[in-house]
Amino acid sequence: SPFVNNSVQAAVLYPGTNRDLRVEDRD
């Protein structure tokens, strides 16, 4: 999308299993 500058890395905590933290790309 022209409104998206680029992607950045972010640390994301997922629900469900405790301590499920992943570093992934986000717009």
mmCIF file of all heavy atoms, coordinates in Angstrom:
data_MODEL
# 
_entry.id   MODEL 
# 
loop_
_atom_site.group_PDB 
_atom_site.id 
_atom_site.type_symbol 
_atom_site.label_atom_id 
_atom_site.label_alt_id 
_atom_site.label_comp_id 
_atom_site.label_asym_id 
_atom_site.label_entity_id 
_atom_site.label_seq_id 
_atom_site.pdbx_PDB_ins_code 
_atom_site.Cartn_x 
_atom_site.Cartn_y 
_atom_site.Cartn_z 
_atom_site.occupancy 
_atom_site.B_iso_or_equiv 
_atom_site.pdbx_formal_charge 
_atom_site.auth_seq_id 
_atom_site.auth_comp_id 
_atom_site.auth_asym_id 
_atom_site.auth_atom_id 
_atom_site.pdbx_PDB_model_num 
ATOM 1   N N   . SER A 1 1  ? 0.830  -1.192  0.000  1.00 0.00 ? 1  SER A N   1 
ATOM 2   C CA  . SER A 1 1  ? 0.000  0.000   0.000  1.00 0.00 ? 1  SER A CA  1 
ATOM 3   C C   . SER A 1 1  ? 0.871  1.251   0.000  1.00 0.00 ? 1  SER A C   1 
ATOM 4   O O   . SER A 1 1  ? 1.920  1.299   0.644  1.00 0.00 ? 1  SER A O   1 
ATOM 5   C CB  . SER A 1 1  ? -0.899 0.009   1.235  1.00 0.00 ? 1  SER A CB  1 
ATOM 6   O OG  . SER A 1 1  ? -1.459 1.278   1.433  1.00 0.00 ? 1  SER A OG  1 
ATOM 7   N N   . PRO A 1 2  ? 0.462  2.329   -0.731 1.00 0.00 ? 2  PRO A N   1 
ATOM 8   C CA  . PRO A 1 2  ? 1.233  3.564   -0.728 1.00 0.00 ? 2  PRO A CA  1 
ATOM 9   C C   . PRO A 1 2  ? 1.262  4.227   0.638  1.00 0.00 ? 2  PRO A C   1 
ATOM 10  O O   . PRO A 1 2  ? 2.068  5.125   0.878  1.00 0.00 ? 2  PRO A O   1 
ATOM 11  C CB  . PRO A 1 2  ? 0.486  4.434   -1.749 1.00 0.00 ? 2  PRO A CB  1 
ATOM 12  C CG  . PRO A 1 2  ? -0.902 3.893   -1.784 1.00 0.00 ? 2  PRO A CG  1 
ATOM 13  C CD  . PRO A 1 2  ? -0.745 2.431   -1.589 1.00 0.00 ? 2  PRO A CD  1 
ATOM 14  N N   . PHE A 1 3  ? 0.391  3.810   1.548  1.00 0.00 ? 3  PHE A N   1 
ATOM 15  C CA  . PHE A 1 3  ? 0.372  4.397   2.885  1.00 0.00 ? 3  PHE A CA  1 
ATOM 16  C C   . PHE A 1 3  ? 1.329  3.701   3.835  1.00 0.00 ? 3  PHE A C   1 
ATOM 17  O O   . PHE A 1 3  ? 1.496  4.117   4.959  1.00 0.00 ? 3  PHE A O   1 
ATOM 18  C CB  . PHE A 1 3  ? -1.049 4.353   3.453  1.00 0.00 ? 3  PHE A CB  1 
ATOM 19  C CG  . PHE A 1 3  ? -2.029 5.160   2.658  1.00 0.00 ? 3  PHE A CG  1 
ATOM 20  C CD1 . PHE A 1 3  ? -2.950 4.538   1.829  1.00 0.00 ? 3  PHE A CD1 1 
ATOM 21  C CD2 . PHE A 1 3  ? -2.016 6.541   2.711  1.00 0.00 ? 3  PHE A CD2 1 
ATOM 22  C CE1 . PHE A 1 3  ? -3.853 5.272   1.085  1.00 0.00 ? 3  PHE A CE1 1 
ATOM 23  C CE2 . PHE A 1 3  ? -2.919 7.291   1.967  1.00 0.00 ? 3  PHE A CE2 1 
ATOM 24  C CZ  . PHE A 1 3  ? -3.835 6.660   1.150  1.00 0.00 ? 3  PHE A CZ  1 
ATOM 25  N N   . VAL A 1 4  ? 1.935  2.615   3.368  1.00 0.00 ? 4  VAL A N   1 
ATOM 26  C CA  . VAL A 1 4  ? 2.886  1.884   4.194  1.00 0.00 ? 4  VAL A CA  1 
ATOM 27  C C   . VAL A 1 4  ? 4.296  2.332   3.838  1.00 0.00 ? 4  VAL A C   1 
ATOM 28  O O   . VAL A 1 4  ? 4.706  2.255   2.675  1.00 0.00 ? 4  VAL A O   1 
ATOM 29  C CB  . VAL A 1 4  ? 2.759  0.357   3.988  1.00 0.00 ? 4  VAL A CB  1 
ATOM 30  C CG1 . VAL A 1 4  ? 3.802  -0.374  4.823  1.00 0.00 ? 4  VAL A CG1 1 
ATOM 31  C CG2 . VAL A 1 4  ? 1.361  -0.107  4.359  1.00 0.00 ? 4  VAL A CG2 1 
ATOM 32  N N   . ASN A 1 5  ? 5.055  2.835   4.824  1.00 0.00 ? 5  ASN A N   1 
ATOM 33  C CA  . ASN A 1 5  ? 6.426  3.253   4.558  1.00 0.00 ? 5  ASN A CA  1 
ATOM 34  C C   . ASN A 1 5  ? 7.302  2.042   4.259  1.00 0.00 ? 5  ASN A C   1 
ATOM 35  O O   . ASN A 1 5  ? 7.980  1.974   3.247  1.00 0.00 ? 5  ASN A O   1 
ATOM 36  C CB  . ASN A 1 5  ? 6.997  4.000   5.765  1.00 0.00 ? 5  ASN A CB  1 
ATOM 37  C CG  . ASN A 1 5  ? 6.471  5.423   5.857  1.00 0.00 ? 5  ASN A CG  1 
ATOM 38  O OD1 . ASN A 1 5  ? 5.787  5.888   4.961  1.00 0.00 ? 5  ASN A OD1 1 
ATOM 39  N ND2 . ASN A 1 5  ? 6.778  6.105   6.947  1.00 0.00 ? 5  ASN A ND2 1 
ATOM 40  N N   . ASN A 1 6  ? 7.290  1.097   5.139  1.00 0.00 ? 6  ASN A N   1 
ATOM 41  C CA  . ASN A 1 6  ? 8.067  -0.143  5.011  1.00 0.00 ? 6  ASN A CA  1 
ATOM 42  C C   . ASN A 1 6  ? 7.696  -1.044  6.174  1.00 0.00 ? 6  ASN A C   1 
ATOM 43  O O   . ASN A 1 6  ? 6.767  -0.758  6.923  1.00 0.00 ? 6  ASN A O   1 
ATOM 44  C CB  . ASN A 1 6  ? 9.578  0.149   4.993  1.00 0.00 ? 6  ASN A CB  1 
ATOM 45  C CG  . ASN A 1 6  ? 10.000 1.064   6.125  1.00 0.00 ? 6  ASN A CG  1 
ATOM 46  O OD1 . ASN A 1 6  ? 9.476  0.964   7.229  1.00 0.00 ? 6  ASN A OD1 1 
ATOM 47  N ND2 . ASN A 1 6  ? 10.944 1.951   5.850  1.00 0.00 ? 6  ASN A ND2 1 
ATOM 48  N N   . SER A 1 7  ? 8.406  -2.129  6.333  1.00 0.00 ? 7  SER A N   1 
ATOM 49  C CA  . SER A 1 7  ? 8.170  -3.006  7.469  1.00 0.00 ? 7  SER A CA  1 
ATOM 50  C C   . SER A 1 7  ? 9.252  -2.783  8.514  1.00 0.00 ? 7  SER A C   1 
ATOM 51  O O   . SER A 1 7  ? 10.368 -2.376  8.190  1.00 0.00 ? 7  SER A O   1 
ATOM 52  C CB  . SER A 1 7  ? 8.149  -4.468  7.023  1.00 0.00 ? 7  SER A CB  1 
ATOM 53  O OG  . SER A 1 7  ? 9.418  -4.849  6.532  1.00 0.00 ? 7  SER A OG  1 
ATOM 54  N N   . VAL A 1 8  ? 8.893  -3.043  9.767  1.00 0.00 ? 8  VAL A N   1 
ATOM 55  C CA  . VAL A 1 8  ? 9.840  -2.914  10.864 1.00 0.00 ? 8  VAL A CA  1 
ATOM 56  C C   . VAL A 1 8  ? 9.770  -4.177  11.707 1.00 0.00 ? 8  VAL A C   1 
ATOM 57  O O   . VAL A 1 8  ? 8.778  -4.904  11.684 1.00 0.00 ? 8  VAL A O   1 
ATOM 58  C CB  . VAL A 1 8  ? 9.524  -1.688  11.746 1.00 0.00 ? 8  VAL A CB  1 
ATOM 59  C CG1 . VAL A 1 8  ? 9.673  -0.408  10.958 1.00 0.00 ? 8  VAL A CG1 1 
ATOM 60  C CG2 . VAL A 1 8  ? 8.130  -1.785  12.345 1.00 0.00 ? 8  VAL A CG2 1 
ATOM 61  N N   . GLN A 1 9  ? 10.808 -4.434  12.434 1.00 0.00 ? 9  GLN A N   1 
ATOM 62  C CA  . GLN A 1 9  ? 10.807 -5.567  13.345 1.00 0.00 ? 9  GLN A CA  1 
ATOM 63  C C   . GLN A 1 9  ? 10.163 -5.167  14.666 1.00 0.00 ? 9  GLN A C   1 
ATOM 64  O O   . GLN A 1 9  ? 10.362 -4.053  15.169 1.00 0.00 ? 9  GLN A O   1 
ATOM 65  C CB  . GLN A 1 9  ? 12.221 -6.081  13.583 1.00 0.00 ? 9  GLN A CB  1 
ATOM 66  C CG  . GLN A 1 9  ? 12.784 -6.881  12.414 1.00 0.00 ? 9  GLN A CG  1 
ATOM 67  C CD  . GLN A 1 9  ? 13.927 -7.767  12.847 1.00 0.00 ? 9  GLN A CD  1 
ATOM 68  O OE1 . GLN A 1 9  ? 14.832 -7.342  13.556 1.00 0.00 ? 9  GLN A OE1 1 
ATOM 69  N NE2 . GLN A 1 9  ? 13.891 -9.026  12.419 1.00 0.00 ? 9  GLN A NE2 1 
ATOM 70  N N   . ALA A 1 10 ? 9.389  -6.097  15.237 1.00 0.00 ? 10 ALA A N   1 
ATOM 71  C CA  . ALA A 1 10 ? 8.712  -5.854  16.508 1.00 0.00 ? 10 ALA A CA  1 
ATOM 72  C C   . ALA A 1 10 ? 8.716  -7.131  17.329 1.00 0.00 ? 10 ALA A C   1 
ATOM 73  O O   . ALA A 1 10 ? 8.666  -8.235  16.782 1.00 0.00 ? 10 ALA A O   1 
ATOM 74  C CB  . ALA A 1 10 ? 7.280  -5.388  16.267 1.00 0.00 ? 10 ALA A CB  1 
ATOM 75  N N   . ALA A 1 11 ? 8.787  -6.974  18.646 1.00 0.00 ? 11 ALA A N   1 
ATOM 76  C CA  . ALA A 1 11 ? 8.666  -8.109  19.552 1.00 0.00 ? 11 ALA A CA  1 
ATOM 77  C C   . ALA A 1 11 ? 7.193  -8.275  19.883 1.00 0.00 ? 11 ALA A C   1 
ATOM 78  O O   . ALA A 1 11 ? 6.562  -7.365  20.421 1.00 0.00 ? 11 ALA A O   1 
ATOM 79  C CB  . ALA A 1 11 ? 9.474  -7.876  20.825 1.00 0.00 ? 11 ALA A CB  1 
ATOM 80  N N   . VAL A 1 12 ? 6.625  -9.444  19.556 1.00 0.00 ? 12 VAL A N   1 
ATOM 81  C CA  . VAL A 1 12 ? 5.185  -9.666  19.672 1.00 0.00 ? 12 VAL A CA  1 
ATOM 82  C C   . VAL A 1 12 ? 4.924  -10.815 20.648 1.00 0.00 ? 12 VAL A C   1 
ATOM 83  O O   . VAL A 1 12 ? 5.472  -11.908 20.488 1.00 0.00 ? 12 VAL A O   1 
ATOM 84  C CB  . VAL A 1 12 ? 4.563  -9.996  18.301 1.00 0.00 ? 12 VAL A CB  1 
ATOM 85  C CG1 . VAL A 1 12 ? 3.056  -10.193 18.434 1.00 0.00 ? 12 VAL A CG1 1 
ATOM 86  C CG2 . VAL A 1 12 ? 4.877  -8.891  17.285 1.00 0.00 ? 12 VAL A CG2 1 
ATOM 87  N N   . LEU A 1 13 ? 4.085  -10.540 21.662 1.00 0.00 ? 13 LEU A N   1 
ATOM 88  C CA  . LEU A 1 13 ? 3.706  -11.570 22.628 1.00 0.00 ? 13 LEU A CA  1 
ATOM 89  C C   . LEU A 1 13 ? 2.388  -12.184 22.196 1.00 0.00 ? 13 LEU A C   1 
ATOM 90  O O   . LEU A 1 13 ? 1.386  -11.486 22.024 1.00 0.00 ? 13 LEU A O   1 
ATOM 91  C CB  . LEU A 1 13 ? 3.563  -10.959 24.027 1.00 0.00 ? 13 LEU A CB  1 
ATOM 92  C CG  . LEU A 1 13 ? 3.229  -11.927 25.165 1.00 0.00 ? 13 LEU A CG  1 
ATOM 93  C CD1 . LEU A 1 13 ? 4.360  -12.932 25.361 1.00 0.00 ? 13 LEU A CD1 1 
ATOM 94  C CD2 . LEU A 1 13 ? 2.961  -11.157 26.450 1.00 0.00 ? 13 LEU A CD2 1 
ATOM 95  N N   . TYR A 1 14 ? 2.387  -13.502 21.995 1.00 0.00 ? 14 TYR A N   1 
ATOM 96  C CA  . TYR A 1 14 ? 1.188  -14.199 21.530 1.00 0.00 ? 14 TYR A CA  1 
ATOM 97  C C   . TYR A 1 14 ? 0.391  -14.750 22.708 1.00 0.00 ? 14 TYR A C   1 
ATOM 98  O O   . TYR A 1 14 ? 0.974  -15.184 23.705 1.00 0.00 ? 14 TYR A O   1 
ATOM 99  C CB  . TYR A 1 14 ? 1.569  -15.339 20.585 1.00 0.00 ? 14 TYR A CB  1 
ATOM 100 C CG  . TYR A 1 14 ? 1.849  -14.878 19.180 1.00 0.00 ? 14 TYR A CG  1 
ATOM 101 C CD1 . TYR A 1 14 ? 3.066  -14.296 18.847 1.00 0.00 ? 14 TYR A CD1 1 
ATOM 102 C CD2 . TYR A 1 14 ? 0.872  -14.982 18.192 1.00 0.00 ? 14 TYR A CD2 1 
ATOM 103 C CE1 . TYR A 1 14 ? 3.322  -13.849 17.557 1.00 0.00 ? 14 TYR A CE1 1 
ATOM 104 C CE2 . TYR A 1 14 ? 1.126  -14.541 16.901 1.00 0.00 ? 14 TYR A CE2 1 
ATOM 105 C CZ  . TYR A 1 14 ? 2.343  -13.978 16.590 1.00 0.00 ? 14 TYR A CZ  1 
ATOM 106 O OH  . TYR A 1 14 ? 2.585  -13.529 15.316 1.00 0.00 ? 14 TYR A OH  1 
ATOM 107 N N   . PRO A 1 15 ? -0.948 -14.739 22.612 1.00 0.00 ? 15 PRO A N   1 
ATOM 108 C CA  . PRO A 1 15 ? -1.776 -15.278 23.694 1.00 0.00 ? 15 PRO A CA  1 
ATOM 109 C C   . PRO A 1 15 ? -1.723 -16.795 23.714 1.00 0.00 ? 15 PRO A C   1 
ATOM 110 O O   . PRO A 1 15 ? -1.279 -17.432 22.764 1.00 0.00 ? 15 PRO A O   1 
ATOM 111 C CB  . PRO A 1 15 ? -3.180 -14.777 23.335 1.00 0.00 ? 15 PRO A CB  1 
ATOM 112 C CG  . PRO A 1 15 ? -3.156 -14.651 21.836 1.00 0.00 ? 15 PRO A CG  1 
ATOM 113 C CD  . PRO A 1 15 ? -1.760 -14.223 21.492 1.00 0.00 ? 15 PRO A CD  1 
ATOM 114 N N   . GLY A 1 16 ? -2.226 -17.344 24.800 1.00 0.00 ? 16 GLY A N   1 
ATOM 115 C CA  . GLY A 1 16 ? -2.259 -18.801 24.916 1.00 0.00 ? 16 GLY A CA  1 
ATOM 116 C C   . GLY A 1 16 ? -1.110 -19.284 25.773 1.00 0.00 ? 16 GLY A C   1 
ATOM 117 O O   . GLY A 1 16 ? -1.132 -19.189 26.993 1.00 0.00 ? 16 GLY A O   1 
ATOM 118 N N   . THR A 1 17 ? -0.059 -19.761 25.143 1.00 0.00 ? 17 THR A N   1 
ATOM 119 C CA  . THR A 1 17 ? 1.090  -20.266 25.875 1.00 0.00 ? 17 THR A CA  1 
ATOM 120 C C   . THR A 1 17 ? 1.892  -19.111 26.447 1.00 0.00 ? 17 THR A C   1 
ATOM 121 O O   . THR A 1 17 ? 2.251  -18.182 25.729 1.00 0.00 ? 17 THR A O   1 
ATOM 122 C CB  . THR A 1 17 ? 2.003  -21.100 24.954 1.00 0.00 ? 17 THR A CB  1 
ATOM 123 O OG1 . THR A 1 17 ? 1.230  -22.124 24.338 1.00 0.00 ? 17 THR A OG1 1 
ATOM 124 C CG2 . THR A 1 17 ? 3.133  -21.725 25.749 1.00 0.00 ? 17 THR A CG2 1 
ATOM 125 N N   . ASN A 1 18 ? 2.186  -19.152 27.754 1.00 0.00 ? 18 ASN A N   1 
ATOM 126 C CA  . ASN A 1 18 ? 2.989  -18.107 28.376 1.00 0.00 ? 18 ASN A CA  1 
ATOM 127 C C   . ASN A 1 18 ? 4.389  -18.082 27.770 1.00 0.00 ? 18 ASN A C   1 
ATOM 128 O O   . ASN A 1 18 ? 4.913  -19.092 27.317 1.00 0.00 ? 18 ASN A O   1 
ATOM 129 C CB  . ASN A 1 18 ? 3.088  -18.340 29.888 1.00 0.00 ? 18 ASN A CB  1 
ATOM 130 C CG  . ASN A 1 18 ? 1.738  -18.206 30.561 1.00 0.00 ? 18 ASN A CG  1 
ATOM 131 O OD1 . ASN A 1 18 ? 0.833  -17.571 30.032 1.00 0.00 ? 18 ASN A OD1 1 
ATOM 132 N ND2 . ASN A 1 18 ? 1.596  -18.818 31.720 1.00 0.00 ? 18 ASN A ND2 1 
ATOM 133 N N   . ARG A 1 19 ? 4.988  -16.895 27.711 1.00 0.00 ? 19 ARG A N   1 
ATOM 134 C CA  . ARG A 1 19 ? 6.361  -16.690 27.247 1.00 0.00 ? 19 ARG A CA  1 
ATOM 135 C C   . ARG A 1 19 ? 6.522  -16.901 25.750 1.00 0.00 ? 19 ARG A C   1 
ATOM 136 O O   . ARG A 1 19 ? 7.637  -17.046 25.256 1.00 0.00 ? 19 ARG A O   1 
ATOM 137 C CB  . ARG A 1 19 ? 7.341  -17.598 28.015 1.00 0.00 ? 19 ARG A CB  1 
ATOM 138 C CG  . ARG A 1 19 ? 7.324  -17.377 29.525 1.00 0.00 ? 19 ARG A CG  1 
ATOM 139 C CD  . ARG A 1 19 ? 8.206  -18.395 30.230 1.00 0.00 ? 19 ARG A CD  1 
ATOM 140 N NE  . ARG A 1 19 ? 8.090  -18.285 31.667 1.00 0.00 ? 19 ARG A NE  1 
ATOM 141 C CZ  . ARG A 1 19 ? 9.014  -17.748 32.477 1.00 0.00 ? 19 ARG A CZ  1 
ATOM 142 N NH1 . ARG A 1 19 ? 10.117 -17.261 31.959 1.00 0.00 ? 19 ARG A NH1 1 
ATOM 143 N NH2 . ARG A 1 19 ? 8.831  -17.692 33.763 1.00 0.00 ? 19 ARG A NH2 1 
ATOM 144 N N   . ASP A 1 20 ? 5.407  -16.896 25.004 1.00 0.00 ? 20 ASP A N   1 
ATOM 145 C CA  . ASP A 1 20 ? 5.495  -17.064 23.553 1.00 0.00 ? 20 ASP A CA  1 
ATOM 146 C C   . ASP A 1 20 ? 5.717  -15.698 22.912 1.00 0.00 ? 20 ASP A C   1 
ATOM 147 O O   . ASP A 1 20 ? 4.802  -15.048 22.436 1.00 0.00 ? 20 ASP A O   1 
ATOM 148 C CB  . ASP A 1 20 ? 4.210  -17.708 23.020 1.00 0.00 ? 20 ASP A CB  1 
ATOM 149 C CG  . ASP A 1 20 ? 4.297  -18.026 21.527 1.00 0.00 ? 20 ASP A CG  1 
ATOM 150 O OD1 . ASP A 1 20 ? 5.392  -17.848 20.946 1.00 0.00 ? 20 ASP A OD1 1 
ATOM 151 O OD2 . ASP A 1 20 ? 3.282  -18.440 20.950 1.00 0.00 ? 20 ASP A OD2 1 
ATOM 152 N N   . LEU A 1 21 ? 6.958  -15.271 22.903 1.00 0.00 ? 21 LEU A N   1 
ATOM 153 C CA  . LEU A 1 21 ? 7.335  -13.967 22.361 1.00 0.00 ? 21 LEU A CA  1 
ATOM 154 C C   . LEU A 1 21 ? 8.179  -14.169 21.115 1.00 0.00 ? 21 LEU A C   1 
ATOM 155 O O   . LEU A 1 21 ? 9.143  -14.930 21.126 1.00 0.00 ? 21 LEU A O   1 
ATOM 156 C CB  . LEU A 1 21 ? 8.102  -13.155 23.410 1.00 0.00 ? 21 LEU A CB  1 
ATOM 157 C CG  . LEU A 1 21 ? 8.392  -11.700 23.067 1.00 0.00 ? 21 LEU A CG  1 
ATOM 158 C CD1 . LEU A 1 21 ? 8.371  -10.847 24.345 1.00 0.00 ? 21 LEU A CD1 1 
ATOM 159 C CD2 . LEU A 1 21 ? 9.739  -11.538 22.385 1.00 0.00 ? 21 LEU A CD2 1 
ATOM 160 N N   . ARG A 1 22 ? 7.793  -13.500 20.023 1.00 0.00 ? 22 ARG A N   1 
ATOM 161 C CA  . ARG A 1 22 ? 8.491  -13.662 18.749 1.00 0.00 ? 22 ARG A CA  1 
ATOM 162 C C   . ARG A 1 22 ? 8.858  -12.290 18.174 1.00 0.00 ? 22 ARG A C   1 
ATOM 163 O O   . ARG A 1 22 ? 8.083  -11.343 18.261 1.00 0.00 ? 22 ARG A O   1 
ATOM 164 C CB  . ARG A 1 22 ? 7.607  -14.402 17.741 1.00 0.00 ? 22 ARG A CB  1 
ATOM 165 C CG  . ARG A 1 22 ? 6.933  -15.646 18.299 1.00 0.00 ? 22 ARG A CG  1 
ATOM 166 C CD  . ARG A 1 22 ? 5.896  -16.199 17.331 1.00 0.00 ? 22 ARG A CD  1 
ATOM 167 N NE  . ARG A 1 22 ? 4.983  -17.130 17.995 1.00 0.00 ? 22 ARG A NE  1 
ATOM 168 C CZ  . ARG A 1 22 ? 3.928  -17.668 17.419 1.00 0.00 ? 22 ARG A CZ  1 
ATOM 169 N NH1 . ARG A 1 22 ? 3.652  -17.383 16.146 1.00 0.00 ? 22 ARG A NH1 1 
ATOM 170 N NH2 . ARG A 1 22 ? 3.134  -18.485 18.099 1.00 0.00 ? 22 ARG A NH2 1 
ATOM 171 N N   . VAL A 1 23 ? 10.042 -12.195 17.598 1.00 0.00 ? 23 VAL A N   1 
ATOM 172 C CA  . VAL A 1 23 ? 10.449 -10.988 16.871 1.00 0.00 ? 23 VAL A CA  1 
ATOM 173 C C   . VAL A 1 23 ? 10.116 -11.206 15.407 1.00 0.00 ? 23 VAL A C   1 
ATOM 174 O O   . VAL A 1 23 ? 10.595 -12.157 14.783 1.00 0.00 ? 23 VAL A O   1 
ATOM 175 C CB  . VAL A 1 23 ? 11.952 -10.701 17.053 1.00 0.00 ? 23 VAL A CB  1 
ATOM 176 C CG1 . VAL A 1 23 ? 12.366 -9.502  16.217 1.00 0.00 ? 23 VAL A CG1 1 
ATOM 177 C CG2 . VAL A 1 23 ? 12.261 -10.445 18.524 1.00 0.00 ? 23 VAL A CG2 1 
ATOM 178 N N   . GLU A 1 24 ? 9.246  -10.345 14.852 1.00 0.00 ? 24 GLU A N   1 
ATOM 179 C CA  . GLU A 1 24 ? 8.768  -10.535 13.484 1.00 0.00 ? 24 GLU A CA  1 
ATOM 180 C C   . GLU A 1 24 ? 8.549  -9.200  12.797 1.00 0.00 ? 24 GLU A C   1 
ATOM 181 O O   . GLU A 1 24 ? 8.599  -8.135  13.430 1.00 0.00 ? 24 GLU A O   1 
ATOM 182 C CB  . GLU A 1 24 ? 7.459  -11.335 13.505 1.00 0.00 ? 24 GLU A CB  1 
ATOM 183 C CG  . GLU A 1 24 ? 6.354  -10.685 14.329 1.00 0.00 ? 24 GLU A CG  1 
ATOM 184 C CD  . GLU A 1 24 ? 5.156  -11.609 14.505 1.00 0.00 ? 24 GLU A CD  1 
ATOM 185 O OE1 . GLU A 1 24 ? 5.347  -12.837 14.550 1.00 0.00 ? 24 GLU A OE1 1 
ATOM 186 O OE2 . GLU A 1 24 ? 4.028  -11.094 14.595 1.00 0.00 ? 24 GLU A OE2 1 
ATOM 187 N N   . ASP A 1 25 ? 8.325  -9.248  11.482 1.00 0.00 ? 25 ASP A N   1 
ATOM 188 C CA  . ASP A 1 25 ? 8.114  -8.028  10.696 1.00 0.00 ? 25 ASP A CA  1 
ATOM 189 C C   . ASP A 1 25 ? 6.671  -7.553  10.812 1.00 0.00 ? 25 ASP A C   1 
ATOM 190 O O   . ASP A 1 25 ? 5.733  -8.353  10.782 1.00 0.00 ? 25 ASP A O   1 
ATOM 191 C CB  . ASP A 1 25 ? 8.452  -8.275  9.227  1.00 0.00 ? 25 ASP A CB  1 
ATOM 192 C CG  . ASP A 1 25 ? 9.943  -8.451  9.004  1.00 0.00 ? 25 ASP A CG  1 
ATOM 193 O OD1 . ASP A 1 25 ? 10.730 -7.932  9.817  1.00 0.00 ? 25 ASP A OD1 1 
ATOM 194 O OD2 . ASP A 1 25 ? 10.323 -9.114  8.016  1.00 0.00 ? 25 ASP A OD2 1 
ATOM 195 N N   . ARG A 1 26 ? 6.496  -6.247  10.927 1.00 0.00 ? 26 ARG A N   1 
ATOM 196 C CA  . ARG A 1 26 ? 5.189  -5.614  10.939 1.00 0.00 ? 26 ARG A CA  1 
ATOM 197 C C   . ARG A 1 26 ? 5.201  -4.414  9.981  1.00 0.00 ? 26 ARG A C   1 
ATOM 198 O O   . ARG A 1 26 ? 6.213  -3.720  9.878  1.00 0.00 ? 26 ARG A O   1 
ATOM 199 C CB  . ARG A 1 26 ? 4.832  -5.125  12.350 1.00 0.00 ? 26 ARG A CB  1 
ATOM 200 C CG  . ARG A 1 26 ? 4.481  -6.237  13.342 1.00 0.00 ? 26 ARG A CG  1 
ATOM 201 C CD  . ARG A 1 26 ? 3.131  -6.839  13.019 1.00 0.00 ? 26 ARG A CD  1 
ATOM 202 N NE  . ARG A 1 26 ? 2.739  -7.907  13.921 1.00 0.00 ? 26 ARG A NE  1 
ATOM 203 C CZ  . ARG A 1 26 ? 1.978  -7.729  14.993 1.00 0.00 ? 26 ARG A CZ  1 
ATOM 204 N NH1 . ARG A 1 26 ? 1.561  -6.519  15.320 1.00 0.00 ? 26 ARG A NH1 1 
ATOM 205 N NH2 . ARG A 1 26 ? 1.637  -8.757  15.742 1.00 0.00 ? 26 ARG A NH2 1 
ATOM 206 N N   . ASP A 1 27 ? 4.062  -4.170  9.305  1.00 0.00 ? 27 ASP A N   1 
ATOM 207 C CA  . ASP A 1 27 ? 3.965  -2.996  8.438  1.00 0.00 ? 27 ASP A CA  1 
ATOM 208 C C   . ASP A 1 27 ? 4.000  -1.721  9.266  1.00 0.00 ? 27 ASP A C   1 
ATOM 209 O O   . ASP A 1 27 ? 3.431  -1.645  10.360 1.00 0.00 ? 27 ASP A O   1 
ATOM 210 C CB  . ASP A 1 27 ? 2.665  -3.017  7.630  1.00 0.00 ? 27 ASP A CB  1 
ATOM 211 C CG  . ASP A 1 27 ? 2.690  -4.043  6.504  1.00 0.00 ? 27 ASP A CG  1 
ATOM 212 O OD1 . ASP A 1 27 ? 3.803  -4.421  6.083  1.00 0.00 ? 27 ASP A OD1 1 
ATOM 213 O OD2 . ASP A 1 27 ? 1.603  -4.462  6.066  1.00 0.00 ? 27 ASP A OD2 1 
# 
